[in-house]
Each structure stands twice: as structure tokens, then as C-alpha cells.
Amino acid sequence: MERKIRTYGGYFEKFKKTLTKPEQDKIDYCLLLLKTQDRVPSKFMSIIRDGLYELRIEYNGNIYRVFFIFDEGNIIVLFHGFQKKTQKTPLNEIEKALKIKEEYYADKQSQNC
């Protein structure tokens, strides 16, 4: 199986540019898992709520999260990412991702009209 991965709104690219090359490589590795594996271990992925998921990346003692959704079966749409510094995923980051998700579906619907 191979899923397609897309991004939306430039949020993910903006986040990724802030990272070092080794951090970017680790994110690319985790994205490869998401793209190619039927079942991704919960160490790397979890559902947040309302169809929103997070990709979990750990590198060199730092923790990163990238929010995404599944769309049209096997297409993964990446939203934004951040460096996690607290035990729980910050609510404001979840709210931001949910807002981007709404924008994505609104844009998609307007293109289909």
C-alpha cells in the first residue's frame, strides 16, 4: 500500500523550514512510515479528535507533532507542526489544526462547485 501525502496552506512547509536537517530527516522517515505501512504503530501516530490525527516524532530529546487528516481514502493532508514542550498536546495547537481542517474542507467544497 502507498498513500499519497499532500500539504495544505503552507503551514507544514513553514514549520519544517525551522528545523535542522537531521530533524527534517526524522520527520521524513515518519512520513515514509505513514505513506507505506498499513498499520502505523501508536508510537508514531494517534487520533486527536474529529478525524484529526497527529504524527509523533522524537529526535535528540525533542518532541515534534504534525497534525494531519485522511482524505479520499488514502490521501493524507498535512497541516501544521510544532515542537511539543509539555506533557499534553496544547489545546491551542489542536484548535489551530481543527480550524485549518475546516478551511481545507471549505476550499475543497468551493472547488467542487
N, C-alpha and C. Protein backbone atom coordinates (compact mmCIF):
# COMPACT_ATOMS: atom_id res chain seq x y z
N MET A 1 0.85 -1.19 0.00
CA MET A 1 0.00 0.00 0.00
C MET A 1 0.88 1.24 0.00
N GLU A 2 0.46 2.22 -0.75
CA GLU A 2 1.16 3.50 -0.70
C GLU A 2 0.14 4.63 -0.73
N ARG A 3 0.13 5.41 0.34
CA ARG A 3 -0.78 6.55 0.43
C ARG A 3 -0.11 7.77 -0.20
N LYS A 4 -0.93 8.66 -0.67
CA LYS A 4 -0.41 9.94 -1.17
C LYS A 4 -0.38 10.92 0.00
N ILE A 5 0.64 11.74 0.03
CA ILE A 5 0.74 12.76 1.07
C ILE A 5 0.77 14.13 0.41
N ARG A 6 -0.14 14.98 0.86
CA ARG A 6 -0.19 16.36 0.39
C ARG A 6 -0.13 17.28 1.60
N THR A 7 0.12 18.53 1.32
CA THR A 7 0.07 19.52 2.39
C THR A 7 -0.98 20.55 2.02
N TYR A 8 -1.35 21.35 2.99
CA TYR A 8 -2.36 22.37 2.77
C TYR A 8 -1.94 23.66 3.45
N GLY A 9 -2.01 24.75 2.74
CA GLY A 9 -1.84 26.08 3.31
C GLY A 9 -0.42 26.52 3.60
N GLY A 10 0.55 25.67 3.33
CA GLY A 10 1.95 26.05 3.56
C GLY A 10 2.39 25.98 5.02
N TYR A 11 1.49 25.58 5.92
CA TYR A 11 1.81 25.55 7.35
C TYR A 11 2.90 24.53 7.65
N PHE A 12 2.77 23.34 7.07
CA PHE A 12 3.75 22.29 7.32
C PHE A 12 5.14 22.68 6.80
N GLU A 13 5.16 23.22 5.58
CA GLU A 13 6.44 23.63 5.00
C GLU A 13 7.11 24.72 5.85
N LYS A 14 6.32 25.65 6.33
CA LYS A 14 6.86 26.73 7.17
C LYS A 14 7.47 26.14 8.45
N PHE A 15 6.77 25.20 9.07
CA PHE A 15 7.27 24.54 10.27
C PHE A 15 8.56 23.77 9.97
N LYS A 16 8.56 23.02 8.90
CA LYS A 16 9.71 22.16 8.57
C LYS A 16 10.98 22.98 8.31
N LYS A 17 10.81 24.17 7.74
CA LYS A 17 11.96 25.03 7.46
C LYS A 17 12.67 25.50 8.73
N THR A 18 11.97 25.48 9.86
CA THR A 18 12.57 25.93 11.12
C THR A 18 13.45 24.86 11.75
N LEU A 19 13.43 23.65 11.19
CA LEU A 19 14.14 22.53 11.79
C LEU A 19 15.50 22.30 11.16
N THR A 20 16.35 21.61 11.89
CA THR A 20 17.67 21.25 11.36
C THR A 20 17.50 20.11 10.35
N LYS A 21 18.52 19.86 9.57
CA LYS A 21 18.48 18.79 8.58
C LYS A 21 18.22 17.43 9.23
N PRO A 22 18.90 17.06 10.33
CA PRO A 22 18.59 15.77 10.97
C PRO A 22 17.15 15.68 11.48
N GLU A 23 16.60 16.79 11.98
CA GLU A 23 15.20 16.80 12.43
C GLU A 23 14.26 16.60 11.25
N GLN A 24 14.57 17.28 10.14
CA GLN A 24 13.76 17.12 8.93
C GLN A 24 13.83 15.68 8.42
N ASP A 25 15.02 15.08 8.48
CA ASP A 25 15.18 13.69 8.04
C ASP A 25 14.33 12.75 8.89
N LYS A 26 14.27 12.99 10.19
CA LYS A 26 13.46 12.15 11.07
C LYS A 26 11.98 12.29 10.74
N ILE A 27 11.54 13.51 10.46
CA ILE A 27 10.15 13.73 10.06
C ILE A 27 9.88 13.01 8.74
N ASP A 28 10.81 13.10 7.80
CA ASP A 28 10.64 12.41 6.52
C ASP A 28 10.54 10.90 6.72
N TYR A 29 11.31 10.35 7.66
CA TYR A 29 11.24 8.93 7.97
C TYR A 29 9.84 8.56 8.49
N CYS A 30 9.33 9.37 9.41
CA CYS A 30 7.99 9.11 9.97
C CYS A 30 6.91 9.25 8.90
N LEU A 31 7.08 10.20 8.00
CA LEU A 31 6.14 10.36 6.88
C LEU A 31 6.19 9.15 5.95
N LEU A 32 7.37 8.59 5.78
CA LEU A 32 7.52 7.39 4.96
C LEU A 32 6.74 6.22 5.57
N LEU A 33 6.80 6.10 6.89
CA LEU A 33 6.01 5.07 7.57
C LEU A 33 4.51 5.29 7.29
N LEU A 34 4.08 6.52 7.44
CA LEU A 34 2.68 6.87 7.22
C LEU A 34 2.26 6.57 5.78
N LYS A 35 3.18 6.80 4.86
CA LYS A 35 2.90 6.61 3.45
C LYS A 35 2.85 5.14 3.04
N THR A 36 3.69 4.32 3.66
CA THR A 36 3.87 2.96 3.14
C THR A 36 3.33 1.84 4.02
N GLN A 37 3.10 2.07 5.29
CA GLN A 37 2.69 1.00 6.19
C GLN A 37 1.17 0.94 6.36
N ASP A 38 0.63 -0.27 6.29
CA ASP A 38 -0.80 -0.44 6.52
C ASP A 38 -1.18 -0.03 7.94
N ARG A 39 -0.36 -0.45 8.88
CA ARG A 39 -0.59 -0.12 10.29
C ARG A 39 0.63 0.61 10.84
N VAL A 40 0.39 1.84 11.25
CA VAL A 40 1.47 2.65 11.82
C VAL A 40 1.41 2.51 13.33
N PRO A 41 2.51 2.13 13.98
CA PRO A 41 2.49 1.97 15.44
C PRO A 41 2.05 3.25 16.16
N SER A 42 1.36 3.06 17.28
CA SER A 42 0.87 4.21 18.04
C SER A 42 2.01 5.08 18.56
N LYS A 43 3.21 4.55 18.59
CA LYS A 43 4.37 5.36 18.96
C LYS A 43 4.53 6.54 18.00
N PHE A 44 4.11 6.35 16.75
CA PHE A 44 4.28 7.37 15.71
C PHE A 44 3.01 8.12 15.35
N MET A 45 1.85 7.60 15.72
CA MET A 45 0.60 8.21 15.28
C MET A 45 -0.51 8.00 16.30
N SER A 46 -1.34 9.03 16.48
CA SER A 46 -2.52 8.85 17.33
C SER A 46 -3.64 9.77 16.82
N ILE A 47 -4.87 9.38 17.14
CA ILE A 47 -6.01 10.22 16.78
C ILE A 47 -6.21 11.24 17.90
N ILE A 48 -6.49 12.47 17.51
CA ILE A 48 -6.75 13.53 18.48
C ILE A 48 -8.26 13.63 18.71
N ARG A 49 -8.99 14.03 17.68
CA ARG A 49 -10.46 14.06 17.71
C ARG A 49 -10.98 14.56 16.37
N ASP A 50 -12.24 14.28 16.09
CA ASP A 50 -12.93 14.77 14.89
C ASP A 50 -12.15 14.49 13.60
N GLY A 51 -11.55 13.30 13.50
CA GLY A 51 -10.81 12.94 12.29
C GLY A 51 -9.44 13.57 12.18
N LEU A 52 -8.99 14.23 13.23
CA LEU A 52 -7.67 14.86 13.25
C LEU A 52 -6.69 13.91 13.93
N TYR A 53 -5.55 13.70 13.28
CA TYR A 53 -4.51 12.83 13.81
C TYR A 53 -3.24 13.64 14.05
N GLU A 54 -2.34 13.05 14.84
CA GLU A 54 -1.03 13.66 14.99
C GLU A 54 0.03 12.63 14.70
N LEU A 55 1.06 13.06 13.98
CA LEU A 55 2.24 12.27 13.74
C LEU A 55 3.23 12.63 14.83
N ARG A 56 3.75 11.62 15.52
CA ARG A 56 4.64 11.85 16.66
C ARG A 56 6.08 11.60 16.24
N ILE A 57 6.92 12.60 16.44
CA ILE A 57 8.32 12.50 16.08
C ILE A 57 9.17 12.85 17.28
N GLU A 58 10.12 12.01 17.58
CA GLU A 58 11.07 12.27 18.65
C GLU A 58 12.46 12.28 18.06
N TYR A 59 13.23 13.30 18.39
CA TYR A 59 14.61 13.35 17.90
C TYR A 59 15.48 14.09 18.90
N ASN A 60 16.53 13.45 19.33
CA ASN A 60 17.55 14.09 20.16
C ASN A 60 16.95 14.76 21.41
N GLY A 61 16.00 14.08 22.03
CA GLY A 61 15.39 14.62 23.25
C GLY A 61 14.27 15.62 23.02
N ASN A 62 14.02 15.96 21.76
CA ASN A 62 12.93 16.89 21.43
C ASN A 62 11.76 16.11 20.87
N ILE A 63 10.58 16.64 21.08
CA ILE A 63 9.35 16.01 20.61
C ILE A 63 8.65 16.97 19.66
N TYR A 64 8.25 16.44 18.50
CA TYR A 64 7.56 17.24 17.50
C TYR A 64 6.24 16.55 17.15
N ARG A 65 5.27 17.35 16.76
CA ARG A 65 3.98 16.84 16.34
C ARG A 65 3.59 17.51 15.02
N VAL A 66 3.00 16.71 14.14
CA VAL A 66 2.46 17.22 12.88
C VAL A 66 1.03 16.73 12.79
N PHE A 67 0.09 17.65 12.62
CA PHE A 67 -1.31 17.30 12.51
C PHE A 67 -1.66 16.96 11.06
N PHE A 68 -2.56 15.98 10.90
CA PHE A 68 -2.97 15.59 9.56
C PHE A 68 -4.35 14.95 9.60
N ILE A 69 -4.93 14.78 8.42
CA ILE A 69 -6.20 14.07 8.25
C ILE A 69 -6.03 13.07 7.11
N PHE A 70 -6.91 12.09 7.08
CA PHE A 70 -7.03 11.22 5.92
C PHE A 70 -8.15 11.77 5.08
N ASP A 71 -7.95 11.84 3.76
CA ASP A 71 -8.97 12.35 2.87
C ASP A 71 -9.02 11.45 1.64
N GLU A 72 -10.22 11.20 1.16
CA GLU A 72 -10.41 10.37 -0.03
C GLU A 72 -9.73 9.01 0.13
N GLY A 73 -9.91 8.39 1.26
CA GLY A 73 -9.39 7.05 1.46
C GLY A 73 -7.95 6.99 1.87
N ASN A 74 -7.03 7.25 0.95
CA ASN A 74 -5.63 7.06 1.30
C ASN A 74 -4.77 8.29 1.15
N ILE A 75 -5.37 9.44 0.93
CA ILE A 75 -4.59 10.67 0.82
C ILE A 75 -4.47 11.29 2.21
N ILE A 76 -3.26 11.62 2.56
CA ILE A 76 -3.01 12.24 3.86
C ILE A 76 -2.71 13.70 3.61
N VAL A 77 -3.41 14.57 4.29
CA VAL A 77 -3.21 16.00 4.14
C VAL A 77 -2.56 16.52 5.42
N LEU A 78 -1.35 17.04 5.28
CA LEU A 78 -0.61 17.56 6.43
C LEU A 78 -0.99 19.01 6.67
N PHE A 79 -1.19 19.34 7.93
CA PHE A 79 -1.50 20.72 8.29
C PHE A 79 -0.27 21.37 8.90
N HIS A 80 -0.26 21.61 10.16
CA HIS A 80 0.88 22.30 10.74
C HIS A 80 1.58 21.40 11.75
N GLY A 81 2.76 21.84 12.15
CA GLY A 81 3.54 21.10 13.14
C GLY A 81 4.07 22.04 14.19
N PHE A 82 4.56 21.47 15.28
CA PHE A 82 5.12 22.29 16.35
C PHE A 82 6.03 21.42 17.21
N GLN A 83 6.87 22.08 17.99
CA GLN A 83 7.68 21.37 18.96
C GLN A 83 6.91 21.30 20.26
N LYS A 84 6.76 20.09 20.75
CA LYS A 84 5.98 19.87 21.96
C LYS A 84 6.88 20.05 23.18
N LYS A 85 6.43 20.87 24.13
CA LYS A 85 7.24 21.15 25.32
C LYS A 85 6.51 20.82 26.61
N THR A 86 5.28 20.33 26.50
CA THR A 86 4.50 19.98 27.69
C THR A 86 4.06 18.53 27.59
N GLN A 87 3.57 17.99 28.68
CA GLN A 87 3.14 16.60 28.72
C GLN A 87 2.00 16.33 27.74
N LYS A 88 0.99 17.19 27.76
CA LYS A 88 -0.16 17.01 26.88
C LYS A 88 -0.02 17.93 25.67
N THR A 89 -0.65 17.51 24.57
CA THR A 89 -0.67 18.35 23.38
C THR A 89 -1.47 19.61 23.71
N PRO A 90 -0.87 20.79 23.52
CA PRO A 90 -1.56 22.04 23.88
C PRO A 90 -2.89 22.22 23.13
N LEU A 91 -3.91 22.61 23.85
CA LEU A 91 -5.23 22.78 23.28
C LEU A 91 -5.23 23.81 22.16
N ASN A 92 -4.43 24.88 22.30
CA ASN A 92 -4.41 25.90 21.26
C ASN A 92 -3.86 25.34 19.94
N GLU A 93 -2.94 24.38 20.00
CA GLU A 93 -2.41 23.75 18.78
C GLU A 93 -3.48 22.86 18.14
N ILE A 94 -4.24 22.17 18.96
CA ILE A 94 -5.32 21.33 18.45
C ILE A 94 -6.39 22.19 17.79
N GLU A 95 -6.76 23.29 18.46
CA GLU A 95 -7.76 24.21 17.90
C GLU A 95 -7.29 24.79 16.57
N LYS A 96 -6.02 25.15 16.50
CA LYS A 96 -5.46 25.68 15.25
C LYS A 96 -5.59 24.64 14.13
N ALA A 97 -5.25 23.39 14.43
CA ALA A 97 -5.33 22.32 13.43
C ALA A 97 -6.78 22.09 12.99
N LEU A 98 -7.71 22.12 13.93
CA LEU A 98 -9.12 21.93 13.59
C LEU A 98 -9.62 23.07 12.70
N LYS A 99 -9.15 24.28 12.96
CA LYS A 99 -9.53 25.42 12.13
C LYS A 99 -8.98 25.26 10.71
N ILE A 100 -7.73 24.80 10.60
CA ILE A 100 -7.14 24.56 9.28
C ILE A 100 -7.91 23.46 8.56
N LYS A 101 -8.33 22.44 9.30
CA LYS A 101 -9.12 21.35 8.71
C LYS A 101 -10.42 21.91 8.12
N GLU A 102 -11.10 22.78 8.85
CA GLU A 102 -12.33 23.39 8.35
C GLU A 102 -12.06 24.20 7.08
N GLU A 103 -10.97 24.97 7.08
CA GLU A 103 -10.60 25.75 5.91
C GLU A 103 -10.34 24.83 4.71
N TYR A 104 -9.65 23.73 4.96
CA TYR A 104 -9.33 22.77 3.90
C TYR A 104 -10.61 22.25 3.25
N TYR A 105 -11.56 21.79 4.07
CA TYR A 105 -12.80 21.25 3.52
C TYR A 105 -13.65 22.32 2.84
N ALA A 106 -13.63 23.55 3.37
CA ALA A 106 -14.36 24.64 2.73
C ALA A 106 -13.75 24.95 1.35
N ASP A 107 -12.43 25.00 1.28
CA ASP A 107 -11.75 25.23 -0.01
C ASP A 107 -12.05 24.10 -0.98
N LYS A 108 -11.99 22.90 -0.48
CA LYS A 108 -12.25 21.72 -1.33
C LYS A 108 -13.68 21.75 -1.87
N GLN A 109 -14.63 22.09 -1.01
CA GLN A 109 -16.03 22.15 -1.43
C GLN A 109 -16.25 23.25 -2.46
N SER A 110 -15.61 24.40 -2.26
CA SER A 110 -15.79 25.52 -3.20
C SER A 110 -15.18 25.19 -4.57
N GLN A 111 -14.15 24.36 -4.59
CA GLN A 111 -13.53 23.96 -5.87
C GLN A 111 -14.40 22.95 -6.61
N ASN A 112 -15.22 22.21 -5.87
CA ASN A 112 -16.09 21.21 -6.49
C ASN A 112 -17.42 21.78 -6.97
N CYS A 113 -17.68 23.06 -6.69
CA CYS A 113 -18.96 23.67 -7.09
C CYS A 113 -18.96 24.04 -8.54
